[in-house]
Amino acid sequence: MASSRLPPTAMTLKQFLRRQQVLHLYRKLLQAIRQVPNEADRHYLRDWARAEFKRNKGATEEATIRMMITQGNIQLQELERTLKLAKS
């Protein structure tokens, strides 16, 4: 019987795509946070984002991960909307 060439800890395609979504969300959040004018607020938000992603790093249940991505996107939109209002 032929053995698989993949290492035993290889991600499935679905896991890989979900990971890419999470990384994209994290990068977009950090980019939006960089636009915050107040330095203290910027540091607070950056630390908050890092802590949230680290806290949820071990999540494995698909439904939970999808829900967290959805919530993260909502929070990102809220931050972007607030920044847009602050600039006008």
N, C-alpha and C. Protein backbone atom coordinates (compact mmCIF):
# COMPACT_ATOMS: atom_id res chain seq x y z
N MET A 1 0.85 -1.17 0.00
CA MET A 1 0.00 0.00 0.00
C MET A 1 0.90 1.24 0.00
N ALA A 2 0.59 2.21 -0.84
CA ALA A 2 1.39 3.43 -0.95
C ALA A 2 1.05 4.37 0.21
N SER A 3 2.07 4.95 0.78
CA SER A 3 1.83 5.89 1.87
C SER A 3 1.71 7.31 1.31
N SER A 4 1.07 8.15 2.08
CA SER A 4 0.87 9.53 1.67
C SER A 4 2.19 10.29 1.77
N ARG A 5 2.39 11.20 0.85
CA ARG A 5 3.60 12.03 0.88
C ARG A 5 3.43 13.24 1.80
N LEU A 6 2.22 13.47 2.24
CA LEU A 6 1.96 14.61 3.12
C LEU A 6 2.36 14.27 4.55
N PRO A 7 2.89 15.25 5.26
CA PRO A 7 3.18 15.00 6.68
C PRO A 7 1.87 14.79 7.44
N PRO A 8 1.91 14.10 8.56
CA PRO A 8 0.68 13.80 9.29
C PRO A 8 -0.05 15.05 9.80
N THR A 9 0.62 16.18 9.91
CA THR A 9 -0.03 17.39 10.41
C THR A 9 -0.41 18.34 9.28
N ALA A 10 -0.45 17.87 8.05
CA ALA A 10 -0.80 18.73 6.91
C ALA A 10 -2.25 19.19 7.03
N MET A 11 -2.49 20.44 6.63
CA MET A 11 -3.84 21.00 6.67
C MET A 11 -4.64 20.53 5.47
N THR A 12 -5.94 20.43 5.67
CA THR A 12 -6.82 20.17 4.55
C THR A 12 -6.97 21.46 3.75
N LEU A 13 -7.52 21.37 2.56
CA LEU A 13 -7.73 22.56 1.74
C LEU A 13 -8.65 23.54 2.45
N LYS A 14 -9.70 23.02 3.09
CA LYS A 14 -10.65 23.87 3.81
C LYS A 14 -9.95 24.62 4.95
N GLN A 15 -9.09 23.91 5.69
CA GLN A 15 -8.35 24.55 6.78
C GLN A 15 -7.38 25.60 6.24
N PHE A 16 -6.74 25.29 5.13
CA PHE A 16 -5.81 26.24 4.52
C PHE A 16 -6.53 27.52 4.10
N LEU A 17 -7.68 27.36 3.45
CA LEU A 17 -8.44 28.53 3.00
C LEU A 17 -8.96 29.35 4.19
N ARG A 18 -9.41 28.67 5.24
CA ARG A 18 -9.88 29.37 6.43
C ARG A 18 -8.74 30.14 7.08
N ARG A 19 -7.56 29.52 7.12
CA ARG A 19 -6.37 30.18 7.68
C ARG A 19 -6.04 31.44 6.88
N GLN A 20 -6.17 31.37 5.56
CA GLN A 20 -5.91 32.54 4.72
C GLN A 20 -6.91 33.65 5.02
N GLN A 21 -8.17 33.30 5.27
CA GLN A 21 -9.18 34.29 5.63
C GLN A 21 -8.81 34.99 6.94
N VAL A 22 -8.37 34.21 7.91
CA VAL A 22 -8.00 34.75 9.22
C VAL A 22 -6.80 35.70 9.08
N LEU A 23 -5.79 35.28 8.33
CA LEU A 23 -4.61 36.13 8.14
C LEU A 23 -4.96 37.41 7.40
N HIS A 24 -5.84 37.31 6.41
CA HIS A 24 -6.27 38.49 5.67
C HIS A 24 -7.00 39.47 6.59
N LEU A 25 -7.87 38.94 7.43
CA LEU A 25 -8.60 39.78 8.39
C LEU A 25 -7.63 40.45 9.35
N TYR A 26 -6.65 39.71 9.85
CA TYR A 26 -5.67 40.27 10.78
C TYR A 26 -4.88 41.41 10.13
N ARG A 27 -4.44 41.18 8.90
CA ARG A 27 -3.69 42.23 8.19
C ARG A 27 -4.54 43.46 7.95
N LYS A 28 -5.79 43.26 7.54
CA LYS A 28 -6.70 44.40 7.29
C LYS A 28 -6.95 45.17 8.59
N LEU A 29 -7.12 44.47 9.70
CA LEU A 29 -7.31 45.14 10.99
C LEU A 29 -6.11 45.99 11.35
N LEU A 30 -4.91 45.42 11.20
CA LEU A 30 -3.70 46.17 11.54
C LEU A 30 -3.53 47.39 10.61
N GLN A 31 -3.89 47.24 9.35
CA GLN A 31 -3.81 48.38 8.43
C GLN A 31 -4.77 49.48 8.85
N ALA A 32 -5.98 49.10 9.23
CA ALA A 32 -6.96 50.10 9.67
C ALA A 32 -6.51 50.76 10.97
N ILE A 33 -5.95 49.98 11.87
CA ILE A 33 -5.49 50.52 13.16
C ILE A 33 -4.37 51.53 12.94
N ARG A 34 -3.53 51.32 11.95
CA ARG A 34 -2.44 52.27 11.67
C ARG A 34 -2.96 53.66 11.30
N GLN A 35 -4.20 53.75 10.87
CA GLN A 35 -4.79 55.03 10.48
C GLN A 35 -5.38 55.81 11.65
N VAL A 36 -5.43 55.19 12.82
CA VAL A 36 -5.97 55.87 14.01
C VAL A 36 -5.03 57.01 14.37
N PRO A 37 -5.54 58.24 14.47
CA PRO A 37 -4.66 59.39 14.69
C PRO A 37 -4.01 59.45 16.08
N ASN A 38 -4.71 59.04 17.11
CA ASN A 38 -4.18 59.11 18.47
C ASN A 38 -3.27 57.92 18.73
N GLU A 39 -2.03 58.20 19.11
CA GLU A 39 -1.04 57.13 19.30
C GLU A 39 -1.43 56.17 20.41
N ALA A 40 -1.96 56.69 21.51
CA ALA A 40 -2.35 55.82 22.63
C ALA A 40 -3.49 54.88 22.20
N ASP A 41 -4.45 55.41 21.47
CA ASP A 41 -5.55 54.58 20.97
C ASP A 41 -5.04 53.53 19.99
N ARG A 42 -4.10 53.93 19.15
CA ARG A 42 -3.51 53.02 18.17
C ARG A 42 -2.84 51.84 18.88
N HIS A 43 -2.04 52.13 19.91
CA HIS A 43 -1.36 51.07 20.67
C HIS A 43 -2.37 50.17 21.38
N TYR A 44 -3.40 50.77 21.96
CA TYR A 44 -4.43 49.99 22.64
C TYR A 44 -5.12 49.04 21.67
N LEU A 45 -5.53 49.56 20.51
CA LEU A 45 -6.23 48.74 19.53
C LEU A 45 -5.33 47.63 18.97
N ARG A 46 -4.06 47.95 18.72
CA ARG A 46 -3.13 46.94 18.21
C ARG A 46 -2.95 45.82 19.24
N ASP A 47 -2.76 46.19 20.49
CA ASP A 47 -2.60 45.19 21.55
C ASP A 47 -3.86 44.35 21.71
N TRP A 48 -5.02 45.00 21.60
CA TRP A 48 -6.30 44.29 21.70
C TRP A 48 -6.43 43.28 20.57
N ALA A 49 -6.14 43.69 19.34
CA ALA A 49 -6.27 42.80 18.18
C ALA A 49 -5.32 41.60 18.33
N ARG A 50 -4.09 41.87 18.70
CA ARG A 50 -3.12 40.78 18.88
C ARG A 50 -3.58 39.80 19.95
N ALA A 51 -4.06 40.33 21.07
CA ALA A 51 -4.51 39.48 22.17
C ALA A 51 -5.70 38.61 21.75
N GLU A 52 -6.65 39.19 21.00
CA GLU A 52 -7.81 38.44 20.56
C GLU A 52 -7.42 37.30 19.62
N PHE A 53 -6.54 37.59 18.68
CA PHE A 53 -6.12 36.55 17.75
C PHE A 53 -5.32 35.46 18.46
N LYS A 54 -4.46 35.85 19.40
CA LYS A 54 -3.70 34.86 20.16
C LYS A 54 -4.62 34.01 21.02
N ARG A 55 -5.61 34.66 21.64
CA ARG A 55 -6.52 33.95 22.53
C ARG A 55 -7.31 32.88 21.77
N ASN A 56 -7.65 33.17 20.53
CA ASN A 56 -8.46 32.25 19.74
C ASN A 56 -7.64 31.38 18.78
N LYS A 57 -6.34 31.41 18.93
CA LYS A 57 -5.44 30.67 18.04
C LYS A 57 -5.73 29.18 18.00
N GLY A 58 -6.11 28.62 19.12
CA GLY A 58 -6.32 27.18 19.20
C GLY A 58 -7.69 26.70 18.78
N ALA A 59 -8.55 27.59 18.31
CA ALA A 59 -9.90 27.19 17.92
C ALA A 59 -9.83 26.24 16.73
N THR A 60 -10.60 25.16 16.80
CA THR A 60 -10.57 24.17 15.73
C THR A 60 -11.95 23.90 15.14
N GLU A 61 -13.01 24.23 15.84
CA GLU A 61 -14.35 23.95 15.35
C GLU A 61 -14.71 24.92 14.23
N GLU A 62 -15.11 24.37 13.11
CA GLU A 62 -15.37 25.15 11.90
C GLU A 62 -16.41 26.25 12.11
N ALA A 63 -17.52 25.92 12.75
CA ALA A 63 -18.58 26.91 12.96
C ALA A 63 -18.10 28.06 13.85
N THR A 64 -17.33 27.74 14.85
CA THR A 64 -16.80 28.77 15.74
C THR A 64 -15.85 29.69 15.00
N ILE A 65 -15.00 29.14 14.17
CA ILE A 65 -14.04 29.94 13.41
C ILE A 65 -14.78 30.86 12.44
N ARG A 66 -15.78 30.33 11.75
CA ARG A 66 -16.58 31.16 10.82
C ARG A 66 -17.25 32.31 11.56
N MET A 67 -17.80 32.02 12.75
CA MET A 67 -18.47 33.05 13.53
C MET A 67 -17.47 34.13 13.96
N MET A 68 -16.27 33.72 14.38
CA MET A 68 -15.26 34.70 14.80
C MET A 68 -14.79 35.55 13.62
N ILE A 69 -14.67 34.95 12.44
CA ILE A 69 -14.28 35.71 11.25
C ILE A 69 -15.37 36.74 10.92
N THR A 70 -16.62 36.33 11.01
CA THR A 70 -17.74 37.24 10.74
C THR A 70 -17.72 38.40 11.73
N GLN A 71 -17.55 38.10 13.01
CA GLN A 71 -17.49 39.16 14.02
C GLN A 71 -16.30 40.09 13.79
N GLY A 72 -15.17 39.52 13.42
CA GLY A 72 -13.99 40.33 13.13
C GLY A 72 -14.21 41.25 11.96
N ASN A 73 -14.88 40.77 10.92
CA ASN A 73 -15.17 41.61 9.76
C ASN A 73 -16.13 42.74 10.12
N ILE A 74 -17.09 42.45 10.98
CA ILE A 74 -18.03 43.50 11.44
C ILE A 74 -17.27 44.56 12.23
N GLN A 75 -16.37 44.14 13.11
CA GLN A 75 -15.59 45.09 13.89
C GLN A 75 -14.66 45.91 13.00
N LEU A 76 -14.10 45.28 11.97
CA LEU A 76 -13.25 45.99 11.02
C LEU A 76 -14.06 47.04 10.28
N GLN A 77 -15.24 46.70 9.81
CA GLN A 77 -16.09 47.66 9.12
C GLN A 77 -16.46 48.83 10.03
N GLU A 78 -16.73 48.52 11.29
CA GLU A 78 -17.07 49.55 12.26
C GLU A 78 -15.89 50.51 12.46
N LEU A 79 -14.70 49.96 12.58
CA LEU A 79 -13.50 50.78 12.75
C LEU A 79 -13.27 51.64 11.52
N GLU A 80 -13.39 51.06 10.34
CA GLU A 80 -13.20 51.82 9.10
C GLU A 80 -14.23 52.93 8.97
N ARG A 81 -15.48 52.65 9.35
CA ARG A 81 -16.55 53.65 9.31
C ARG A 81 -16.24 54.80 10.28
N THR A 82 -15.77 54.46 11.46
CA THR A 82 -15.43 55.46 12.46
C THR A 82 -14.27 56.32 11.99
N LEU A 83 -13.26 55.72 11.40
CA LEU A 83 -12.12 56.47 10.88
C LEU A 83 -12.53 57.40 9.76
N LYS A 84 -13.44 56.91 8.91
CA LYS A 84 -13.93 57.73 7.80
C LYS A 84 -14.69 58.95 8.32
N LEU A 85 -15.51 58.74 9.34
CA LEU A 85 -16.26 59.85 9.95
C LEU A 85 -15.32 60.85 10.62
N ALA A 86 -14.27 60.34 11.25
CA ALA A 86 -13.33 61.22 11.94
C ALA A 86 -12.56 62.10 10.96
N LYS A 87 -12.32 61.59 9.74
CA LYS A 87 -11.59 62.36 8.74
C LYS A 87 -12.44 63.45 8.10
N SER A 88 -13.77 63.26 8.10
CA SER A 88 -14.65 64.24 7.44
C SER A 88 -15.07 65.35 8.36
